[in-house]
Amino acid sequence: MNKYLFSFWNSIPSEDAFANLSPEDIQAEIQKWNNWIGGIAAQGKLIATEALHPTGKTVSGSNHVITDGPFTEGKEIIGGFMLLAADSIDEAVELSKGCPIYESEGRVEIRQIQNFA
């Protein structure tokens, strides 16, 4: 079985809209995610998943230049990730199709983890 990383991308306006939801709507949105993640976990495929804060720091180059980001001028933001096990990238794609991010026109980037052993 291979490992795959799902990166959850959404537009910044979608993130702003989420921040303006009522507490009840936020709980309903969280429940959608919990249901989808729980389904993957019930299959024994979930390794880890976390949501990310909307901002952070970037360290670049040999001089370790530090910048704030992502910037509001950007069009997309990564909101979280999932690490899971699947037999193939096709299976990983199928597992991604239940992700609630698609309801807000977001996207899931799927990358296989390289095995150097």
C-alpha atoms as a PDB file:
ATOM      1  CA  MET A   1       0.000   0.000   0.000  1.00  0.00           C
ATOM      2  CA  ASN A   2       1.259   3.493  -0.866  1.00  0.00           C
ATOM      3  CA  LYS A   3       0.982   6.723   1.096  1.00  0.00           C
ATOM      4  CA  TYR A   4      -0.632   9.829  -0.391  1.00  0.00           C
ATOM      5  CA  LEU A   5      -0.836  13.442   0.696  1.00  0.00           C
ATOM      6  CA  PHE A   6      -4.030  15.397   0.118  1.00  0.00           C
ATOM      7  CA  SER A   7      -3.523  19.181   0.198  1.00  0.00           C
ATOM      8  CA  PHE A   8      -6.789  21.089   0.552  1.00  0.00           C
ATOM      9  CA  TRP A   9      -6.828  24.310  -1.489  1.00  0.00           C
ATOM     10  CA  ASN A  10      -9.545  26.935  -1.545  1.00  0.00           C
ATOM     11  CA  SER A  11      -9.936  30.470  -2.790  1.00  0.00           C
ATOM     12  CA  ILE A  12      -9.334  33.229  -0.270  1.00  0.00           C
ATOM     13  CA  PRO A  13     -12.912  34.575  -0.701  1.00  0.00           C
ATOM     14  CA  SER A  14     -14.185  31.105   0.289  1.00  0.00           C
ATOM     15  CA  GLU A  15     -12.007  31.205   3.410  1.00  0.00           C
ATOM     16  CA  ASP A  16     -13.356  34.674   4.240  1.00  0.00           C
ATOM     17  CA  ALA A  17     -16.929  33.445   3.762  1.00  0.00           C
ATOM     18  CA  PHE A  18     -16.255  30.538   6.142  1.00  0.00           C
ATOM     19  CA  ALA A  19     -15.033  32.979   8.802  1.00  0.00           C
ATOM     20  CA  ASN A  20     -18.351  34.836   8.558  1.00  0.00           C
ATOM     21  CA  LEU A  21     -20.566  31.779   9.067  1.00  0.00           C
ATOM     22  CA  SER A  22     -22.781  31.494  12.121  1.00  0.00           C
ATOM     23  CA  PRO A  23     -21.581  29.158  14.895  1.00  0.00           C
ATOM     24  CA  GLU A  24     -24.269  26.660  13.870  1.00  0.00           C
ATOM     25  CA  ASP A  25     -23.170  26.713  10.228  1.00  0.00           C
ATOM     26  CA  ILE A  26     -19.524  26.300  11.256  1.00  0.00           C
ATOM     27  CA  GLN A  27     -20.464  23.231  13.307  1.00  0.00           C
ATOM     28  CA  ALA A  28     -22.406  21.813  10.349  1.00  0.00           C
ATOM     29  CA  GLU A  29     -19.376  22.338   8.092  1.00  0.00           C
ATOM     30  CA  ILE A  30     -17.057  20.694  10.623  1.00  0.00           C
ATOM     31  CA  GLN A  31     -19.462  17.746  10.855  1.00  0.00           C
ATOM     32  CA  LYS A  32     -19.311  17.251   7.066  1.00  0.00           C
ATOM     33  CA  TRP A  33     -15.510  17.060   7.288  1.00  0.00           C
ATOM     34  CA  ASN A  34     -15.636  14.745  10.312  1.00  0.00           C
ATOM     35  CA  ASN A  35     -18.028  12.402   8.499  1.00  0.00           C
ATOM     36  CA  TRP A  36     -15.816  12.225   5.408  1.00  0.00           C
ATOM     37  CA  ILE A  37     -12.609  11.791   7.426  1.00  0.00           C
ATOM     38  CA  GLY A  38     -14.330   9.221   9.647  1.00  0.00           C
ATOM     39  CA  GLY A  39     -15.266   7.169   6.590  1.00  0.00           C
ATOM     40  CA  ILE A  40     -11.637   7.035   5.490  1.00  0.00           C
ATOM     41  CA  ALA A  41     -10.522   6.201   9.038  1.00  0.00           C
ATOM     42  CA  ALA A  42     -13.113   3.397   9.247  1.00  0.00           C
ATOM     43  CA  GLN A  43     -11.423   1.794   6.224  1.00  0.00           C
ATOM     44  CA  GLY A  44      -8.092   1.846   8.078  1.00  0.00           C
ATOM     45  CA  LYS A  45      -6.581   4.247   5.531  1.00  0.00           C
ATOM     46  CA  LEU A  46      -6.177   7.454   7.562  1.00  0.00           C
ATOM     47  CA  ILE A  47      -2.667   8.188   8.828  1.00  0.00           C
ATOM     48  CA  ALA A  48      -2.986  11.862   9.848  1.00  0.00           C
ATOM     49  CA  THR A  49      -4.994  14.971   9.045  1.00  0.00           C
ATOM     50  CA  GLU A  50      -4.866  18.561  10.274  1.00  0.00           C
ATOM     51  CA  ALA A  51      -6.271  21.984   9.451  1.00  0.00           C
ATOM     52  CA  LEU A  52      -3.804  24.836   9.029  1.00  0.00           C
ATOM     53  CA  HIS A  53      -3.878  28.430  10.238  1.00  0.00           C
ATOM     54  CA  PRO A  54      -4.481  30.796   7.316  1.00  0.00           C
ATOM     55  CA  THR A  55      -1.121  32.567   7.688  1.00  0.00           C
ATOM     56  CA  GLY A  56       2.446  31.580   8.422  1.00  0.00           C
ATOM     57  CA  LYS A  57       6.065  32.274   7.486  1.00  0.00           C
ATOM     58  CA  THR A  58       8.242  31.250   4.549  1.00  0.00           C
ATOM     59  CA  VAL A  59      12.001  30.786   4.909  1.00  0.00           C
ATOM     60  CA  SER A  60      13.887  30.972   1.589  1.00  0.00           C
ATOM     61  CA  GLY A  61      17.394  30.545   0.252  1.00  0.00           C
ATOM     62  CA  SER A  62      20.807  30.207   1.836  1.00  0.00           C
ATOM     63  CA  ASN A  63      20.344  33.536   3.633  1.00  0.00           C
ATOM     64  CA  HIS A  64      17.133  32.238   5.229  1.00  0.00           C
ATOM     65  CA  VAL A  65      15.011  35.194   4.099  1.00  0.00           C
ATOM     66  CA  ILE A  66      11.791  35.200   6.115  1.00  0.00           C
ATOM     67  CA  THR A  67       8.538  36.470   4.627  1.00  0.00           C
ATOM     68  CA  ASP A  68       4.993  36.521   5.916  1.00  0.00           C
ATOM     69  CA  GLY A  69       2.394  34.674   3.953  1.00  0.00           C
ATOM     70  CA  PRO A  70       0.364  33.668   2.259  1.00  0.00           C
ATOM     71  CA  PHE A  71      -0.438  37.162   1.090  1.00  0.00           C
ATOM     72  CA  THR A  72      -3.975  38.396   0.507  1.00  0.00           C
ATOM     73  CA  GLU A  73      -2.972  39.158  -3.083  1.00  0.00           C
ATOM     74  CA  GLY A  74      -2.860  35.413  -3.663  1.00  0.00           C
ATOM     75  CA  LYS A  75      -5.890  33.678  -5.074  1.00  0.00           C
ATOM     76  CA  GLU A  76      -5.723  30.410  -3.145  1.00  0.00           C
ATOM     77  CA  ILE A  77      -4.807  29.214   0.300  1.00  0.00           C
ATOM     78  CA  ILE A  78      -3.946  25.764   1.606  1.00  0.00           C
ATOM     79  CA  GLY A  79      -6.302  25.026   4.470  1.00  0.00           C
ATOM     80  CA  GLY A  80      -5.107  21.631   5.603  1.00  0.00           C
ATOM     81  CA  PHE A  81      -3.796  18.221   4.673  1.00  0.00           C
ATOM     82  CA  MET A  82      -4.435  14.516   5.008  1.00  0.00           C
ATOM     83  CA  LEU A  83      -1.933  11.683   4.880  1.00  0.00           C
ATOM     84  CA  LEU A  84      -3.515   8.360   3.972  1.00  0.00           C
ATOM     85  CA  ALA A  85      -2.797   4.897   2.629  1.00  0.00           C
ATOM     86  CA  ALA A  86      -4.237   3.657  -0.649  1.00  0.00           C
ATOM     87  CA  ASP A  87      -3.465   0.879  -3.113  1.00  0.00           C
ATOM     88  CA  SER A  88      -3.112   3.298  -6.042  1.00  0.00           C
ATOM     89  CA  ILE A  89      -3.457   6.927  -7.027  1.00  0.00           C
ATOM     90  CA  ASP A  90      -6.784   5.982  -8.613  1.00  0.00           C
ATOM     91  CA  GLU A  91      -8.042   4.796  -5.230  1.00  0.00           C
ATOM     92  CA  ALA A  92      -6.738   8.002  -3.625  1.00  0.00           C
ATOM     93  CA  VAL A  93      -8.621  10.049  -6.233  1.00  0.00           C
ATOM     94  CA  GLU A  94     -11.816   8.119  -5.469  1.00  0.00           C
ATOM     95  CA  LEU A  95     -11.376   8.689  -1.729  1.00  0.00           C
ATOM     96  CA  SER A  96     -10.936  12.417  -2.352  1.00  0.00           C
ATOM     97  CA  LYS A  97     -14.259  12.726  -4.162  1.00  0.00           C
ATOM     98  CA  GLY A  98     -16.240  12.849  -0.912  1.00  0.00           C
ATOM     99  CA  CYS A  99     -14.285  15.844   0.378  1.00  0.00           C
ATOM    100  CA  PRO A 100     -16.515  18.755   1.434  1.00  0.00           C
ATOM    101  CA  ILE A 101     -14.079  21.270  -0.080  1.00  0.00           C
ATOM    102  CA  TYR A 102     -15.612  20.650  -3.510  1.00  0.00           C
ATOM    103  CA  GLU A 103     -18.859  22.274  -2.302  1.00  0.00           C
ATOM    104  CA  SER A 104     -17.029  25.628  -2.199  1.00  0.00           C
ATOM    105  CA  GLU A 105     -15.268  24.997  -5.541  1.00  0.00           C
ATOM    106  CA  GLY A 106     -12.012  24.156  -3.758  1.00  0.00           C
ATOM    107  CA  ARG A 107      -9.588  21.496  -4.882  1.00  0.00           C
ATOM    108  CA  VAL A 108      -7.640  18.569  -3.496  1.00  0.00           C
ATOM    109  CA  GLU A 109      -4.064  18.144  -4.686  1.00  0.00           C
ATOM    110  CA  ILE A 110      -3.069  14.466  -4.463  1.00  0.00           C
ATOM    111  CA  ARG A 111       0.601  13.509  -4.300  1.00  0.00           C
ATOM    112  CA  GLN A 112       2.147  10.102  -3.698  1.00  0.00           C
ATOM    113  CA  ILE A 113       4.773   9.975  -0.955  1.00  0.00           C
ATOM    114  CA  GLN A 114       8.044   8.669  -2.353  1.00  0.00           C
ATOM    115  CA  ASN A 115       9.452   5.523  -0.807  1.00  0.00           C
ATOM    116  CA  PHE A 116      13.249   5.683  -0.644  1.00  0.00           C
ATOM    117  CA  ALA A 117      13.679   2.435   1.295  1.00  0.00           C
END
